[in-house]
Amino acid sequence: MLARCWSNGLSPFRQRKSIASHCERLRFSLPIDHFMPLHILQVAPYFPPTWAFGGIPRVVDGLSRALVELGETVSVLTTDVLGPDRRVMLPQVRDHHGVMVGTARNLSNRLANSHQLFLPTNAGSVLQALLASRAPVDVVHLHGHRHLLNNVALRWAQARGIPVVLTANGTLRRHERKVGVKLLWDGLIAGHIPGAVQCCVAVSAADAADHHHAGISPERVVRIPNGLDLAEFAPLPERGVFRAAHGLGDGPLVAYLGQVSPRKGVDLLVRAFAGGGPHGSQLVVAGNDMGGMERARQEASDAVRFVGLLPGRQRLELLADADVLVYATTAEVFGLVPFEGLLCGAPVVVADDCGCGEIISEAGAGLLVRYGDVDALRARISTLLADRVAARAMVRRGRSYIERHLGFPTVAQQHRALYARLVDTASRGQGKVESSHA
């Protein structure tokens, strides 16, 4: 039965392979000792202690700290967005585990939270203060697309001849909400940025395909996956802590963790629990509302519990107690949550059209399902709950893959190699990275 579900759940990723193969040639593997120490300026609209905006804050934080561990100098330019009614109330320039962070003030905290419209009012002066006593910047790394910090940092870097790399991390495509606004924003403000940088990082084959569809040549795209902080998962929380805190009992527990937005498919997952969960299971939905909560609640039965955004250790407590983790989203170029679930011991069901689905398939670490197929989704959950031996084997394969490929030390070394190549190319006046240089 399990083999049949696996076979039926797989989605062909072959259409992306020819694009991704160009990117593979830019996976740099020069020994770290070949590089001089670099100063990297990371630019992201949100950064810890802000966690409510998906994976980008975790990625930038983990990558920055891992680069410092490798001996690099890292600075971060970000904004003060934190929550609907709160801003980051920390010094404008601060030390964060060896990473210097400069925080610009948003004109409107409400616009930043509700519409992800980041309008930093003093980014230039914050950048000047951040870098005042540091070595010259060698590389600027932009994270996310369509925020004004990118414009500020790109202009600053271009005026000084500093190479720039962009990791859009799923924000390149115009999808989900405000498509018309994004089209206008690209036409007036941000559309030139992907073409103006020296290199783009794609975190998966799906992401590489998005870059191709956006008109970015595969020769200018490097594939480097997002990383995970493996130390965060050692030791794991004891099983039962989350269940006890929320009165969930001892029955099977299925979890969703992440933003509740329309493309995340939470309403479809909730619908799979209509009339009760598979094998008497309960579904816990953990995450902040990004436009999909109302519909999900309308679909919910008594077998579904909504617990909101889980801070810090609480999210790991949920994953450690989950018997199955579901992340059946669409148009997801990576998705950190399934890998976090595997590290906590939870077998996963993911959609077959997303970046994490590619990796889960490659690693043999879970079941895939077509987005929107509620009956198939319920069947996959049922399979993992019924065949615990096979589920545990998937978790073991997933953990092994993550430890070998997705730890931040490994990912940081790949980024460092890319940065060194960009600096070398810029010093020789050759502009943008080409795959023929690999």
Protein backbone atom coordinates (compact mmCIF):
# COMPACT_ATOMS: atom_id res chain seq x y z
CA MET A 1 0.00 0.00 0.00
CA LEU A 2 2.75 2.43 0.96
CA ALA A 3 4.65 1.80 -2.25
CA ARG A 4 1.50 2.42 -4.28
CA CYS A 5 0.83 5.72 -2.47
CA TRP A 6 4.45 6.77 -3.03
CA SER A 7 4.25 5.98 -6.72
CA ASN A 8 0.94 7.76 -7.20
CA GLY A 9 2.14 10.75 -5.21
CA LEU A 10 5.31 11.48 -7.16
CA SER A 11 5.28 14.42 -9.52
CA PRO A 12 7.61 14.66 -12.52
CA PHE A 13 10.26 17.31 -11.94
CA ARG A 14 11.91 16.60 -15.30
CA GLN A 15 10.67 19.84 -16.84
CA ARG A 16 12.86 21.73 -14.36
CA LYS A 17 15.99 19.63 -14.68
CA SER A 18 17.38 21.21 -17.84
CA ILE A 19 17.13 24.65 -16.25
CA ALA A 20 18.52 23.48 -12.94
CA SER A 21 21.46 21.71 -14.60
CA HIS A 22 22.86 25.05 -15.70
CA CYS A 23 22.74 26.18 -12.07
CA GLU A 24 24.45 23.03 -10.81
CA ARG A 25 27.61 24.02 -12.67
CA LEU A 26 27.84 27.03 -10.38
CA ARG A 27 27.99 25.01 -7.15
CA PHE A 28 31.44 26.15 -6.10
CA SER A 29 33.73 23.71 -4.30
CA LEU A 30 37.05 25.54 -3.89
CA PRO A 31 38.71 24.92 -0.51
CA ILE A 32 37.86 27.62 2.00
CA ASP A 33 41.55 28.31 2.64
CA HIS A 34 41.82 29.72 -0.90
CA PHE A 35 39.75 32.75 0.04
CA MET A 36 40.69 35.98 1.76
CA PRO A 37 38.31 37.07 4.56
CA LEU A 38 35.32 38.97 3.18
CA HIS A 39 32.85 41.52 4.51
CA ILE A 40 29.32 40.65 3.42
CA LEU A 41 26.40 43.05 3.79
CA GLN A 42 23.13 41.09 4.08
CA VAL A 43 19.95 43.03 3.31
CA ALA A 44 16.51 41.79 4.42
CA PRO A 45 13.32 43.61 5.44
CA TYR A 46 12.94 41.42 8.55
CA PHE A 47 15.43 39.84 10.91
CA PRO A 48 15.29 38.28 14.42
CA PRO A 49 13.58 38.89 16.75
CA THR A 50 10.98 39.10 13.96
CA TRP A 51 9.71 35.58 13.09
CA ALA A 52 6.23 36.14 11.63
CA PHE A 53 7.27 36.50 7.98
CA GLY A 54 8.16 32.95 7.01
CA GLY A 55 11.59 31.47 6.47
CA ILE A 56 13.65 34.44 5.29
CA PRO A 57 14.50 35.76 8.80
CA ARG A 58 15.70 32.29 9.83
CA VAL A 59 17.71 31.84 6.64
CA VAL A 60 19.45 35.22 6.88
CA ASP A 61 20.14 34.76 10.58
CA GLY A 62 21.54 31.25 10.22
CA LEU A 63 23.59 32.04 7.13
CA SER A 64 25.05 35.18 8.70
CA ARG A 65 26.10 33.43 11.89
CA ALA A 66 27.59 30.49 9.96
CA LEU A 67 29.63 32.92 7.83
CA VAL A 68 30.97 34.55 11.00
CA GLU A 69 31.97 31.08 12.21
CA LEU A 70 33.94 30.71 8.96
CA GLY A 71 35.86 33.88 9.78
CA GLU A 72 33.93 36.36 7.63
CA THR A 73 32.68 39.78 8.66
CA VAL A 74 28.90 40.09 8.31
CA SER A 75 26.64 43.12 8.61
CA VAL A 76 22.84 43.10 8.24
CA LEU A 77 20.61 45.97 7.13
CA THR A 78 16.95 45.42 8.09
CA THR A 79 13.82 47.24 9.30
CA ASP A 80 12.02 47.46 12.64
CA VAL A 81 8.92 45.43 11.70
CA LEU A 82 7.97 43.00 14.48
CA GLY A 83 4.21 42.55 14.93
CA PRO A 84 0.87 44.23 14.21
CA ASP A 85 1.24 46.59 17.17
CA ARG A 86 4.96 46.39 17.86
CA ARG A 87 8.26 47.49 16.42
CA VAL A 88 11.70 46.14 17.21
CA MET A 89 12.84 48.17 20.21
CA LEU A 90 16.57 47.50 20.10
CA PRO A 91 19.55 49.78 19.47
CA GLN A 92 19.75 51.08 15.92
CA VAL A 93 23.09 49.28 15.51
CA ARG A 94 23.62 46.16 17.63
CA ASP A 95 25.70 43.04 17.91
CA HIS A 96 23.79 39.81 17.22
CA HIS A 97 26.02 36.77 17.89
CA GLY A 98 28.94 38.44 16.14
CA VAL A 99 26.79 39.87 13.34
CA MET A 100 26.35 43.66 13.34
CA VAL A 101 22.74 44.61 12.64
CA GLY A 102 21.48 48.03 11.54
CA THR A 103 17.72 48.60 11.89
CA ALA A 104 15.90 51.23 9.84
CA ARG A 105 12.54 52.58 10.96
CA ASN A 106 9.50 51.87 8.76
CA LEU A 107 7.28 54.82 7.96
CA SER A 108 4.23 52.71 8.82
CA ASN A 109 4.32 49.60 10.98
CA ARG A 110 0.78 48.77 9.90
CA LEU A 111 1.68 48.79 6.21
CA ALA A 112 4.75 46.67 6.91
CA ASN A 113 2.73 44.04 8.82
CA SER A 114 -0.55 43.97 6.94
CA HIS A 115 0.70 44.55 3.40
CA GLN A 116 4.46 43.80 3.62
CA LEU A 117 5.02 47.33 2.33
CA PHE A 118 8.33 48.29 3.90
CA LEU A 119 9.05 52.00 3.73
CA PRO A 120 12.32 52.60 5.64
CA THR A 121 12.71 56.27 6.36
CA ASN A 122 16.36 56.37 7.41
CA ALA A 123 18.00 53.42 5.66
CA GLY A 124 20.84 55.53 4.28
CA SER A 125 21.90 56.94 7.63
CA VAL A 126 21.52 53.55 9.33
CA LEU A 127 23.71 51.96 6.66
CA GLN A 128 26.33 54.65 7.20
CA ALA A 129 26.29 54.11 10.98
CA LEU A 130 26.36 50.32 10.57
CA LEU A 131 29.48 50.36 8.42
CA ALA A 132 31.28 53.33 9.99
CA SER A 133 33.91 51.35 11.89
CA ARG A 134 33.96 48.17 9.82
CA ALA A 135 36.15 46.98 6.96
CA PRO A 136 34.98 47.89 3.45
CA VAL A 137 32.11 45.78 2.14
CA ASP A 138 33.10 43.20 -0.49
CA VAL A 139 29.69 41.79 -1.45
CA VAL A 140 26.07 42.85 -0.93
CA HIS A 141 23.50 40.04 -0.63
CA LEU A 142 19.84 41.02 -1.07
CA HIS A 143 17.16 38.73 0.38
CA GLY A 144 13.58 38.88 -0.83
CA HIS A 145 12.18 40.99 -3.66
CA ARG A 146 10.01 44.12 -3.83
CA HIS A 147 11.17 45.97 -0.74
CA LEU A 148 12.86 49.36 -0.75
CA LEU A 149 15.93 48.28 1.21
CA ASN A 150 17.00 46.49 -1.96
CA ASN A 151 16.83 49.73 -3.92
CA VAL A 152 18.86 51.57 -1.29
CA ALA A 153 21.51 48.85 -1.06
CA LEU A 154 21.75 48.29 -4.81
CA ARG A 155 22.32 51.99 -5.52
CA TRP A 156 24.87 52.16 -2.72
CA ALA A 157 26.74 49.10 -4.06
CA GLN A 158 26.67 50.24 -7.69
CA ALA A 159 28.14 53.61 -6.74
CA ARG A 160 31.10 51.78 -5.21
CA GLY A 161 31.52 48.98 -7.73
CA ILE A 162 30.56 46.30 -5.20
CA PRO A 163 29.03 43.09 -6.61
CA VAL A 164 25.48 42.23 -5.60
CA VAL A 165 23.70 38.88 -5.32
CA LEU A 166 19.94 38.39 -4.95
CA THR A 167 18.14 35.49 -3.26
CA ALA A 168 14.46 36.15 -3.94
CA ASN A 169 13.42 33.01 -2.02
CA GLY A 170 10.04 32.65 -3.68
CA THR A 171 9.21 36.36 -3.97
CA LEU A 172 10.23 36.69 -7.62
CA ARG A 173 6.94 35.38 -8.95
CA ARG A 174 3.83 37.58 -8.88
CA HIS A 175 1.29 35.31 -7.22
CA GLU A 176 -1.25 34.81 -4.46
CA ARG A 177 -2.30 38.35 -3.58
CA LYS A 178 -2.09 41.88 -4.96
CA VAL A 179 -0.83 40.69 -8.34
CA GLY A 180 -1.77 43.99 -9.98
CA VAL A 181 0.03 45.97 -7.29
CA LYS A 182 3.13 43.80 -7.71
CA LEU A 183 3.04 44.37 -11.47
CA LEU A 184 2.86 48.14 -10.94
CA TRP A 185 5.59 48.01 -8.27
CA ASP A 186 7.86 46.09 -10.63
CA GLY A 187 7.22 48.56 -13.42
CA LEU A 188 8.00 51.59 -11.30
CA ILE A 189 10.38 50.49 -8.54
CA ALA A 190 11.71 46.93 -8.35
CA GLY A 191 11.48 45.27 -11.75
CA HIS A 192 15.03 46.20 -12.74
CA ILE A 193 16.72 44.70 -9.68
CA PRO A 194 16.98 41.00 -10.71
CA GLY A 195 18.60 42.05 -13.97
CA ALA A 196 20.93 44.56 -12.32
CA VAL A 197 22.58 42.21 -9.82
CA GLN A 198 25.65 40.15 -10.70
CA CYS A 199 24.10 36.82 -9.70
CA CYS A 200 20.83 35.30 -8.48
CA VAL A 201 20.63 32.38 -6.05
CA ALA A 202 17.88 29.82 -6.64
CA VAL A 203 17.15 27.57 -3.68
CA SER A 204 15.63 24.71 -5.73
CA ALA A 205 14.93 23.58 -9.27
CA ALA A 206 11.46 25.10 -8.93
CA ASP A 207 13.07 28.42 -8.01
CA ALA A 208 15.47 28.15 -10.94
CA ALA A 209 12.44 27.69 -13.22
CA ASP A 210 10.86 30.83 -11.74
CA HIS A 211 14.03 32.77 -12.60
CA HIS A 212 13.95 31.38 -16.14
CA HIS A 213 10.30 32.41 -16.55
CA ALA A 214 11.22 35.88 -15.29
CA GLY A 215 13.70 36.20 -18.16
CA ILE A 216 16.87 35.65 -16.12
CA SER A 217 19.42 33.57 -17.99
CA PRO A 218 20.23 30.21 -16.34
CA GLU A 219 23.91 31.11 -16.69
CA ARG A 220 23.36 33.87 -14.12
CA VAL A 221 21.59 31.64 -11.60
CA VAL A 222 23.39 29.62 -8.90
CA ARG A 223 21.60 26.83 -7.02
CA ILE A 224 22.26 26.86 -3.29
CA PRO A 225 19.60 25.45 -0.93
CA ASN A 226 18.38 27.16 2.18
CA GLY A 227 20.03 25.97 5.36
CA LEU A 228 18.96 24.82 8.80
CA ASP A 229 20.53 25.36 12.20
CA LEU A 230 21.06 21.74 13.24
CA ALA A 231 22.13 22.78 16.75
CA GLU A 232 18.59 24.06 17.35
CA PHE A 233 17.37 20.46 17.20
CA ALA A 234 19.76 19.03 19.79
CA PRO A 235 18.42 18.24 22.23
CA LEU A 236 14.81 17.98 21.10
CA PRO A 237 11.91 18.76 23.42
CA GLU A 238 10.50 15.79 25.27
CA ARG A 239 7.47 14.24 23.60
CA GLY A 240 4.18 15.12 25.22
CA VAL A 241 4.99 18.69 26.25
CA PHE A 242 2.86 20.33 23.55
CA ARG A 243 0.02 17.81 24.00
CA ALA A 244 -0.10 18.47 27.72
CA ALA A 245 0.00 22.25 27.32
CA HIS A 246 -2.95 22.21 24.91
CA GLY A 247 -4.95 19.31 26.35
CA LEU A 248 -4.68 17.20 23.20
CA GLY A 249 -4.71 13.76 24.78
CA ASP A 250 -2.89 10.70 23.50
CA GLY A 251 -4.51 10.17 20.08
CA PRO A 252 -2.70 10.60 16.74
CA LEU A 253 -1.64 14.20 16.10
CA VAL A 254 -1.30 15.76 12.64
CA ALA A 255 0.28 19.21 12.40
CA TYR A 256 0.56 22.15 10.03
CA LEU A 257 3.13 24.82 10.90
CA GLY A 258 3.55 28.00 8.88
CA GLN A 259 1.83 31.10 7.61
CA VAL A 260 -1.88 30.67 6.91
CA SER A 261 -2.15 32.22 3.46
CA PRO A 262 -4.32 31.13 0.49
CA ARG A 263 -1.60 29.23 -1.38
CA LYS A 264 -0.58 27.24 1.71
CA GLY A 265 -3.66 25.05 1.26
CA VAL A 266 -4.61 25.04 4.94
CA ASP A 267 -8.30 25.16 4.02
CA LEU A 268 -7.81 22.01 1.92
CA LEU A 269 -6.00 20.26 4.76
CA VAL A 270 -8.79 21.23 7.17
CA ARG A 271 -11.32 19.84 4.69
CA ALA A 272 -9.49 16.50 4.80
CA PHE A 273 -10.55 16.29 8.46
CA ALA A 274 -14.25 16.79 7.77
CA GLY A 275 -16.18 14.23 9.78
CA GLY A 276 -13.11 13.38 11.87
CA GLY A 277 -9.42 12.79 11.22
CA PRO A 278 -7.87 9.61 9.76
CA HIS A 279 -7.45 6.96 12.48
CA GLY A 280 -9.08 9.30 14.98
CA SER A 281 -6.37 11.93 14.61
CA GLN A 282 -6.54 15.60 15.53
CA LEU A 283 -5.16 18.41 13.35
CA VAL A 284 -3.26 21.30 14.91
CA VAL A 285 -2.84 24.40 12.73
CA ALA A 286 -0.08 26.67 14.00
CA GLY A 287 0.70 29.95 12.30
CA ASN A 288 -0.24 33.58 11.83
CA ASP A 289 -3.00 34.75 9.52
CA MET A 290 -1.73 35.98 6.16
CA GLY A 291 -5.10 36.03 4.41
CA GLY A 292 -6.16 32.39 4.64
CA MET A 293 -7.34 31.95 8.22
CA GLU A 294 -11.01 32.88 7.79
CA ARG A 295 -11.58 30.33 5.05
CA ALA A 296 -9.69 27.63 6.98
CA ARG A 297 -11.80 28.23 10.08
CA GLN A 298 -14.99 28.03 8.02
CA GLU A 299 -13.97 24.56 6.84
CA ALA A 300 -12.90 23.30 10.27
CA SER A 301 -14.53 20.45 12.16
CA ASP A 302 -14.16 19.59 15.84
CA ALA A 303 -11.06 17.57 14.93
CA VAL A 304 -9.14 20.80 14.13
CA ARG A 305 -7.41 23.07 16.63
CA PHE A 306 -5.97 26.52 15.74
CA VAL A 307 -3.18 27.63 18.09
CA GLY A 308 -1.78 30.74 16.38
CA LEU A 309 1.87 31.67 15.89
CA LEU A 310 4.20 29.55 18.01
CA PRO A 311 7.32 31.39 19.22
CA GLY A 312 10.71 29.86 19.92
CA ARG A 313 10.80 26.42 21.46
CA GLN A 314 7.03 25.94 21.22
CA ARG A 315 7.21 25.25 17.51
CA LEU A 316 9.70 22.44 18.12
CA GLU A 317 7.46 21.06 20.87
CA LEU A 318 4.63 20.80 18.34
CA LEU A 319 6.85 19.09 15.75
CA ALA A 320 8.23 16.66 18.34
CA ASP A 321 4.67 15.61 19.27
CA ALA A 322 3.37 15.39 15.69
CA ASP A 323 2.76 11.91 14.28
CA VAL A 324 2.49 13.43 10.79
CA LEU A 325 3.42 16.90 9.51
CA VAL A 326 1.58 18.20 6.45
CA TYR A 327 2.95 20.99 4.26
CA ALA A 328 0.93 20.60 1.06
CA THR A 329 1.40 24.12 -0.31
CA THR A 330 1.68 25.32 -3.89
CA ALA A 331 4.20 27.63 -5.59
CA GLU A 332 6.64 27.07 -2.71
CA VAL A 333 10.25 27.28 -3.92
CA PHE A 334 11.70 25.66 -0.81
CA GLY A 335 9.84 25.41 2.50
CA LEU A 336 11.87 24.91 5.69
CA VAL A 337 9.08 23.42 7.79
CA PRO A 338 9.12 19.83 6.40
CA PHE A 339 12.84 19.57 7.11
CA GLU A 340 12.36 20.93 10.62
CA GLY A 341 9.65 18.31 11.08
CA LEU A 342 11.95 15.51 9.96
CA LEU A 343 14.64 16.67 12.37
CA CYS A 344 12.03 16.48 15.14
CA GLY A 345 10.98 12.97 14.11
CA ALA A 346 7.76 13.77 12.22
CA PRO A 347 7.14 12.03 8.86
CA VAL A 348 5.90 14.49 6.23
CA VAL A 349 3.36 14.90 3.45
CA VAL A 350 4.26 17.67 0.99
CA ALA A 351 2.91 18.91 -2.32
CA ASP A 352 4.46 17.64 -5.53
CA ASP A 353 4.94 21.04 -7.20
CA CYS A 354 7.22 22.72 -4.67
CA GLY A 355 10.91 22.95 -3.90
CA CYS A 356 10.72 20.91 -0.70
CA GLY A 357 8.87 18.23 -2.68
CA GLU A 358 11.89 17.89 -4.96
CA ILE A 359 14.18 17.27 -2.00
CA ILE A 360 11.76 15.02 -0.12
CA SER A 361 11.44 12.93 -3.29
CA GLU A 362 15.20 12.82 -3.83
CA ALA A 363 15.81 11.77 -0.23
CA GLY A 364 12.93 9.30 -0.04
CA ALA A 365 11.88 11.13 3.10
CA GLY A 366 8.09 11.45 2.82
CA LEU A 367 4.97 11.21 0.70
CA LEU A 368 3.99 13.60 -2.07
CA VAL A 369 0.47 14.67 -3.02
CA ARG A 370 -0.99 16.80 -5.77
CA TYR A 371 -2.04 20.20 -4.48
CA GLY A 372 -5.82 20.44 -4.12
CA ASP A 373 -6.53 16.68 -4.05
CA VAL A 374 -8.21 16.44 -0.65
CA ASP A 375 -8.99 12.71 -0.90
CA ALA A 376 -5.38 11.88 -1.77
CA LEU A 377 -4.15 14.11 1.04
CA ARG A 378 -6.30 12.26 3.57
CA ALA A 379 -5.06 8.94 2.16
CA ARG A 380 -1.39 9.97 2.54
CA ILE A 381 -1.97 10.99 6.15
CA SER A 382 -3.74 7.70 6.81
CA THR A 383 -0.86 5.74 5.28
CA LEU A 384 1.77 7.37 7.50
CA LEU A 385 -0.36 6.89 10.60
CA ALA A 386 -0.94 3.21 9.77
CA ASP A 387 2.59 2.19 8.72
CA ARG A 388 4.83 3.56 11.45
CA VAL A 389 7.78 1.38 10.46
CA ALA A 390 7.90 2.89 6.98
CA ALA A 391 7.26 6.36 8.43
CA ARG A 392 10.25 6.04 10.77
CA ALA A 393 12.44 4.89 7.87
CA MET A 394 11.48 8.02 5.94
CA VAL A 395 12.43 10.16 8.91
CA ARG A 396 15.84 8.47 9.14
CA ARG A 397 16.50 9.06 5.45
CA GLY A 398 15.37 12.66 5.76
CA ARG A 399 17.59 13.38 8.74
CA SER A 400 20.59 11.86 6.99
CA TYR A 401 19.99 13.98 3.88
CA ILE A 402 19.56 17.17 5.91
CA GLU A 403 22.71 16.59 7.93
CA ARG A 404 24.74 15.98 4.76
CA HIS A 405 23.36 18.76 2.59
CA LEU A 406 21.33 21.39 4.46
CA GLY A 407 23.24 22.33 7.61
CA PHE A 408 24.24 25.98 7.71
CA PRO A 409 28.01 25.24 7.77
CA THR A 410 27.67 23.45 4.41
CA VAL A 411 25.37 26.09 2.91
CA ALA A 412 27.59 28.93 4.19
CA GLN A 413 30.64 27.41 2.50
CA GLN A 414 28.75 27.37 -0.80
CA HIS A 415 27.78 31.01 -0.35
CA ARG A 416 31.33 31.93 0.59
CA ALA A 417 32.61 30.35 -2.59
CA LEU A 418 30.04 32.31 -4.59
CA TYR A 419 30.98 35.58 -2.89
CA ALA A 420 34.67 34.95 -3.60
CA ARG A 421 33.90 34.31 -7.26
CA LEU A 422 31.87 37.51 -7.46
CA VAL A 423 34.70 39.54 -5.91
CA ASP A 424 37.22 37.94 -8.25
CA THR A 425 35.03 38.60 -11.29
CA ALA A 426 34.43 42.21 -10.24
CA SER A 427 38.16 42.79 -9.66
CA ARG A 428 38.83 41.68 -13.23
CA GLY A 429 36.11 43.98 -14.53
CA GLN A 430 34.03 41.17 -16.01
CA GLY A 431 30.67 42.09 -14.47
CA LYS A 432 28.22 39.26 -14.04
CA VAL A 433 29.03 35.66 -13.19
CA GLU A 434 28.80 33.20 -16.06
CA SER A 435 28.60 29.42 -15.75
CA SER A 436 31.58 29.05 -18.06
CA HIS A 437 33.72 30.30 -15.19
CA ALA A 438 32.80 27.34 -12.98
